[in-house]
Amino acid sequence: MLDELDLKILRMLQKNGRIKRSQLAEEVGLSVPSVSERLHKLEENNVITGYYTKLNRKPFCFDLMAFIVVVMESSKHYKTLIANVEKNPQIIECYSVLGEGSHVLKAVVKNSESLENLLAQIQSWPGVARTITSFILSTIKETTALDI
């Protein structure tokens, strides 16, 4: 069970994942060892699942981002699809969904030729009946922060 101090620590980490433990301790009124122990427990209990650095894709010439809906023939190829997604670095997110298609992929590629190649690759995977692709023109909001 999370208490108010845990929630305060988590809110601060969501705003700044690089905050120093000493600053966290000062902000919540605990010692550094106490904050470290709380963080360790939050990690152990899978409340904190990772720490990430978000990169600007433009300096790396990843000029296109797209959502790709994958329509599968049947669920018997589910594990193969997941294995293919996991080994493809151009696919940065994958969601299993209900509704149109079975999965939604978020892909980042360098150009339209790269996207065409990626789509051909996905469409050749066992069980993939078709794909539906939407280009992302701009990102209005993108966050991993939860309202806790």
C-alpha atoms as a PDB file:
ATOM      1  CA  MET A   1       0.000   0.000   0.000  1.00  0.00           C
ATOM      2  CA  LEU A   2       1.342   3.416  -0.943  1.00  0.00           C
ATOM      3  CA  ASP A   3       1.296   6.213   1.581  1.00  0.00           C
ATOM      4  CA  GLU A   4       1.294   9.954   0.897  1.00  0.00           C
ATOM      5  CA  LEU A   5       5.118  10.149   1.051  1.00  0.00           C
ATOM      6  CA  ASP A   6       5.412   7.428  -1.603  1.00  0.00           C
ATOM      7  CA  LEU A   7       2.932   9.303  -3.791  1.00  0.00           C
ATOM      8  CA  LYS A   8       4.834  12.554  -3.345  1.00  0.00           C
ATOM      9  CA  ILE A   9       8.106  10.849  -4.297  1.00  0.00           C
ATOM     10  CA  LEU A  10       6.461   9.281  -7.361  1.00  0.00           C
ATOM     11  CA  ARG A  11       4.967  12.611  -8.468  1.00  0.00           C
ATOM     12  CA  MET A  12       8.388  14.251  -8.200  1.00  0.00           C
ATOM     13  CA  LEU A  13      10.064  11.427 -10.146  1.00  0.00           C
ATOM     14  CA  GLN A  14       7.469  11.721 -12.911  1.00  0.00           C
ATOM     15  CA  LYS A  15       8.329  15.406 -13.295  1.00  0.00           C
ATOM     16  CA  ASN A  16      12.081  14.852 -13.114  1.00  0.00           C
ATOM     17  CA  GLY A  17      13.441  11.324 -13.351  1.00  0.00           C
ATOM     18  CA  ARG A  18      16.963  12.637 -12.743  1.00  0.00           C
ATOM     19  CA  ILE A  19      16.208  14.272  -9.402  1.00  0.00           C
ATOM     20  CA  LYS A  20      18.869  13.493  -6.822  1.00  0.00           C
ATOM     21  CA  ARG A  21      17.934  11.385  -3.837  1.00  0.00           C
ATOM     22  CA  SER A  22      19.168  14.132  -1.544  1.00  0.00           C
ATOM     23  CA  GLN A  23      16.733  16.583  -3.142  1.00  0.00           C
ATOM     24  CA  LEU A  24      13.898  14.051  -2.903  1.00  0.00           C
ATOM     25  CA  ALA A  25      14.725  13.511   0.761  1.00  0.00           C
ATOM     26  CA  GLU A  26      14.727  17.255   1.452  1.00  0.00           C
ATOM     27  CA  GLU A  27      11.425  17.805  -0.391  1.00  0.00           C
ATOM     28  CA  VAL A  28       9.573  15.034   1.454  1.00  0.00           C
ATOM     29  CA  GLY A  29      11.255  15.498   4.826  1.00  0.00           C
ATOM     30  CA  LEU A  30      13.076  12.179   5.052  1.00  0.00           C
ATOM     31  CA  SER A  31      16.706  11.086   5.236  1.00  0.00           C
ATOM     32  CA  VAL A  32      18.495   9.959   2.075  1.00  0.00           C
ATOM     33  CA  PRO A  33      18.666   6.340   3.338  1.00  0.00           C
ATOM     34  CA  SER A  34      14.897   6.395   4.033  1.00  0.00           C
ATOM     35  CA  VAL A  35      14.154   7.703   0.511  1.00  0.00           C
ATOM     36  CA  SER A  36      16.534   5.102  -0.959  1.00  0.00           C
ATOM     37  CA  GLU A  37      14.751   2.342   0.954  1.00  0.00           C
ATOM     38  CA  ARG A  38      11.349   3.561  -0.272  1.00  0.00           C
ATOM     39  CA  LEU A  39      12.586   3.710  -3.864  1.00  0.00           C
ATOM     40  CA  HIS A  40      13.994   0.196  -3.565  1.00  0.00           C
ATOM     41  CA  LYS A  41      10.632  -1.104  -2.274  1.00  0.00           C
ATOM     42  CA  LEU A  42       8.747   0.723  -5.048  1.00  0.00           C
ATOM     43  CA  GLU A  43      11.039  -0.898  -7.624  1.00  0.00           C
ATOM     44  CA  GLU A  44      10.787  -4.340  -5.966  1.00  0.00           C
ATOM     45  CA  ASN A  45       6.981  -4.122  -5.917  1.00  0.00           C
ATOM     46  CA  ASN A  46       6.927  -3.155  -9.601  1.00  0.00           C
ATOM     47  CA  VAL A  47       5.428   0.278  -8.909  1.00  0.00           C
ATOM     48  CA  ILE A  48       8.460   1.844 -10.584  1.00  0.00           C
ATOM     49  CA  THR A  49       9.154  -0.203 -13.708  1.00  0.00           C
ATOM     50  CA  GLY A  50      12.057   1.749 -15.170  1.00  0.00           C
ATOM     51  CA  TYR A  51      13.867   5.013 -15.725  1.00  0.00           C
ATOM     52  CA  TYR A  52      14.127   6.401 -19.240  1.00  0.00           C
ATOM     53  CA  THR A  53      15.787   9.104 -21.269  1.00  0.00           C
ATOM     54  CA  LYS A  54      13.536  10.597 -23.923  1.00  0.00           C
ATOM     55  CA  LEU A  55      15.387  11.545 -27.094  1.00  0.00           C
ATOM     56  CA  ASN A  56      14.399  14.060 -29.738  1.00  0.00           C
ATOM     57  CA  ARG A  57      14.083  11.915 -32.879  1.00  0.00           C
ATOM     58  CA  LYS A  58      14.882  14.753 -35.317  1.00  0.00           C
ATOM     59  CA  PRO A  59      18.690  14.915 -34.800  1.00  0.00           C
ATOM     60  CA  PHE A  60      18.779  11.209 -35.651  1.00  0.00           C
ATOM     61  CA  CYS A  61      16.835  11.810 -38.896  1.00  0.00           C
ATOM     62  CA  PHE A  62      13.772   9.833 -37.839  1.00  0.00           C
ATOM     63  CA  ASP A  63      11.417  12.077 -39.777  1.00  0.00           C
ATOM     64  CA  LEU A  64       8.275   9.927 -39.874  1.00  0.00           C
ATOM     65  CA  MET A  65       6.164   8.475 -37.121  1.00  0.00           C
ATOM     66  CA  ALA A  66       3.096   6.332 -37.754  1.00  0.00           C
ATOM     67  CA  PHE A  67       0.458   4.234 -36.078  1.00  0.00           C
ATOM     68  CA  ILE A  68       0.026   0.872 -37.770  1.00  0.00           C
ATOM     69  CA  VAL A  69      -3.092  -1.166 -37.038  1.00  0.00           C
ATOM     70  CA  VAL A  70      -2.425  -4.861 -37.604  1.00  0.00           C
ATOM     71  CA  VAL A  71      -5.368  -7.033 -38.611  1.00  0.00           C
ATOM     72  CA  MET A  72      -4.637 -10.707 -37.927  1.00  0.00           C
ATOM     73  CA  GLU A  73      -6.263 -13.737 -39.589  1.00  0.00           C
ATOM     74  CA  SER A  74      -6.446 -15.492 -36.209  1.00  0.00           C
ATOM     75  CA  SER A  75      -4.912 -15.441 -32.767  1.00  0.00           C
ATOM     76  CA  LYS A  76      -2.847 -18.572 -33.430  1.00  0.00           C
ATOM     77  CA  HIS A  77       0.000 -16.331 -34.689  1.00  0.00           C
ATOM     78  CA  TYR A  78      -0.047 -14.073 -31.606  1.00  0.00           C
ATOM     79  CA  LYS A  79       3.304 -15.233 -30.194  1.00  0.00           C
ATOM     80  CA  THR A  80       4.995 -14.911 -33.595  1.00  0.00           C
ATOM     81  CA  LEU A  81       3.660 -11.374 -33.997  1.00  0.00           C
ATOM     82  CA  ILE A  82       4.935 -10.375 -30.548  1.00  0.00           C
ATOM     83  CA  ALA A  83       8.361 -11.917 -31.235  1.00  0.00           C
ATOM     84  CA  ASN A  84       8.616 -10.009 -34.535  1.00  0.00           C
ATOM     85  CA  VAL A  85       7.551  -6.746 -32.883  1.00  0.00           C
ATOM     86  CA  GLU A  86      10.063  -7.151 -30.049  1.00  0.00           C
ATOM     87  CA  LYS A  87      13.010  -7.636 -32.383  1.00  0.00           C
ATOM     88  CA  ASN A  88      12.157  -4.673 -34.641  1.00  0.00           C
ATOM     89  CA  PRO A  89      13.772  -1.435 -33.382  1.00  0.00           C
ATOM     90  CA  GLN A  90      11.585   0.737 -35.638  1.00  0.00           C
ATOM     91  CA  ILE A  91       8.517  -0.303 -33.638  1.00  0.00           C
ATOM     92  CA  ILE A  92       8.700   1.662 -30.418  1.00  0.00           C
ATOM     93  CA  GLU A  93       5.324   0.735 -28.915  1.00  0.00           C
ATOM     94  CA  CYS A  94       2.877  -2.145 -29.342  1.00  0.00           C
ATOM     95  CA  TYR A  95      -0.626  -2.436 -27.917  1.00  0.00           C
ATOM     96  CA  SER A  96      -3.003  -5.385 -28.011  1.00  0.00           C
ATOM     97  CA  VAL A  97      -6.454  -3.891 -28.702  1.00  0.00           C
ATOM     98  CA  LEU A  98     -10.113  -4.703 -29.198  1.00  0.00           C
ATOM     99  CA  GLY A  99     -11.925  -3.192 -32.147  1.00  0.00           C
ATOM    100  CA  GLU A 100     -10.347  -2.557 -35.540  1.00  0.00           C
ATOM    101  CA  GLY A 101      -7.399  -4.923 -35.722  1.00  0.00           C
ATOM    102  CA  SER A 102      -5.680  -6.845 -32.969  1.00  0.00           C
ATOM    103  CA  HIS A 103      -2.627  -4.659 -32.380  1.00  0.00           C
ATOM    104  CA  VAL A 104      -1.624  -1.034 -32.781  1.00  0.00           C
ATOM    105  CA  LEU A 105       2.050  -0.358 -33.404  1.00  0.00           C
ATOM    106  CA  LYS A 106       3.811   2.975 -33.094  1.00  0.00           C
ATOM    107  CA  ALA A 107       6.736   3.138 -35.478  1.00  0.00           C
ATOM    108  CA  VAL A 108       9.486   5.678 -36.078  1.00  0.00           C
ATOM    109  CA  VAL A 109      11.307   5.599 -39.408  1.00  0.00           C
ATOM    110  CA  LYS A 110      13.704   7.815 -41.309  1.00  0.00           C
ATOM    111  CA  ASN A 111      11.611   8.380 -44.456  1.00  0.00           C
ATOM    112  CA  SER A 112       8.741   7.096 -46.593  1.00  0.00           C
ATOM    113  CA  GLU A 113      10.930   4.410 -48.167  1.00  0.00           C
ATOM    114  CA  SER A 114      11.757   3.087 -44.696  1.00  0.00           C
ATOM    115  CA  LEU A 115       8.058   3.053 -43.830  1.00  0.00           C
ATOM    116  CA  GLU A 116       7.232   1.210 -47.026  1.00  0.00           C
ATOM    117  CA  ASN A 117       9.887  -1.413 -46.194  1.00  0.00           C
ATOM    118  CA  LEU A 118       8.599  -1.753 -42.636  1.00  0.00           C
ATOM    119  CA  LEU A 119       5.020  -2.216 -43.846  1.00  0.00           C
ATOM    120  CA  ALA A 120       6.127  -4.860 -46.352  1.00  0.00           C
ATOM    121  CA  GLN A 121       7.957  -6.651 -43.563  1.00  0.00           C
ATOM    122  CA  ILE A 122       4.955  -6.539 -41.193  1.00  0.00           C
ATOM    123  CA  GLN A 123       2.574  -7.668 -43.948  1.00  0.00           C
ATOM    124  CA  SER A 124       4.807 -10.690 -44.595  1.00  0.00           C
ATOM    125  CA  TRP A 125       4.598 -11.900 -40.992  1.00  0.00           C
ATOM    126  CA  PRO A 126       2.579 -15.106 -40.518  1.00  0.00           C
ATOM    127  CA  GLY A 127      -1.092 -14.422 -39.827  1.00  0.00           C
ATOM    128  CA  VAL A 128      -1.102 -10.733 -40.791  1.00  0.00           C
ATOM    129  CA  ALA A 129      -4.104 -10.188 -43.063  1.00  0.00           C
ATOM    130  CA  ARG A 130      -3.593  -6.441 -43.573  1.00  0.00           C
ATOM    131  CA  THR A 131      -2.415  -3.219 -42.018  1.00  0.00           C
ATOM    132  CA  ILE A 132      -3.939   0.244 -41.709  1.00  0.00           C
ATOM    133  CA  THR A 133      -1.434   3.077 -41.378  1.00  0.00           C
ATOM    134  CA  SER A 134      -1.887   6.632 -40.088  1.00  0.00           C
ATOM    135  CA  PHE A 135       0.908   9.196 -40.272  1.00  0.00           C
ATOM    136  CA  ILE A 136       1.513  11.295 -37.188  1.00  0.00           C
ATOM    137  CA  LEU A 137       1.805  14.897 -38.341  1.00  0.00           C
ATOM    138  CA  SER A 138       2.616  16.403 -34.952  1.00  0.00           C
ATOM    139  CA  THR A 139       2.558  15.427 -31.315  1.00  0.00           C
ATOM    140  CA  ILE A 140       0.231  17.527 -29.178  1.00  0.00           C
ATOM    141  CA  LYS A 141       0.765  15.640 -25.928  1.00  0.00           C
ATOM    142  CA  GLU A 142       3.039  12.742 -25.095  1.00  0.00           C
ATOM    143  CA  THR A 143       3.667  11.750 -21.505  1.00  0.00           C
ATOM    144  CA  THR A 144       4.210   8.762 -19.293  1.00  0.00           C
ATOM    145  CA  ALA A 145       3.037  10.619 -16.167  1.00  0.00           C
ATOM    146  CA  LEU A 146       0.013   9.236 -14.311  1.00  0.00           C
ATOM    147  CA  ASP A 147      -2.357  11.462 -12.332  1.00  0.00           C
ATOM    148  CA  ILE A 148      -1.728   9.862  -8.920  1.00  0.00           C
END
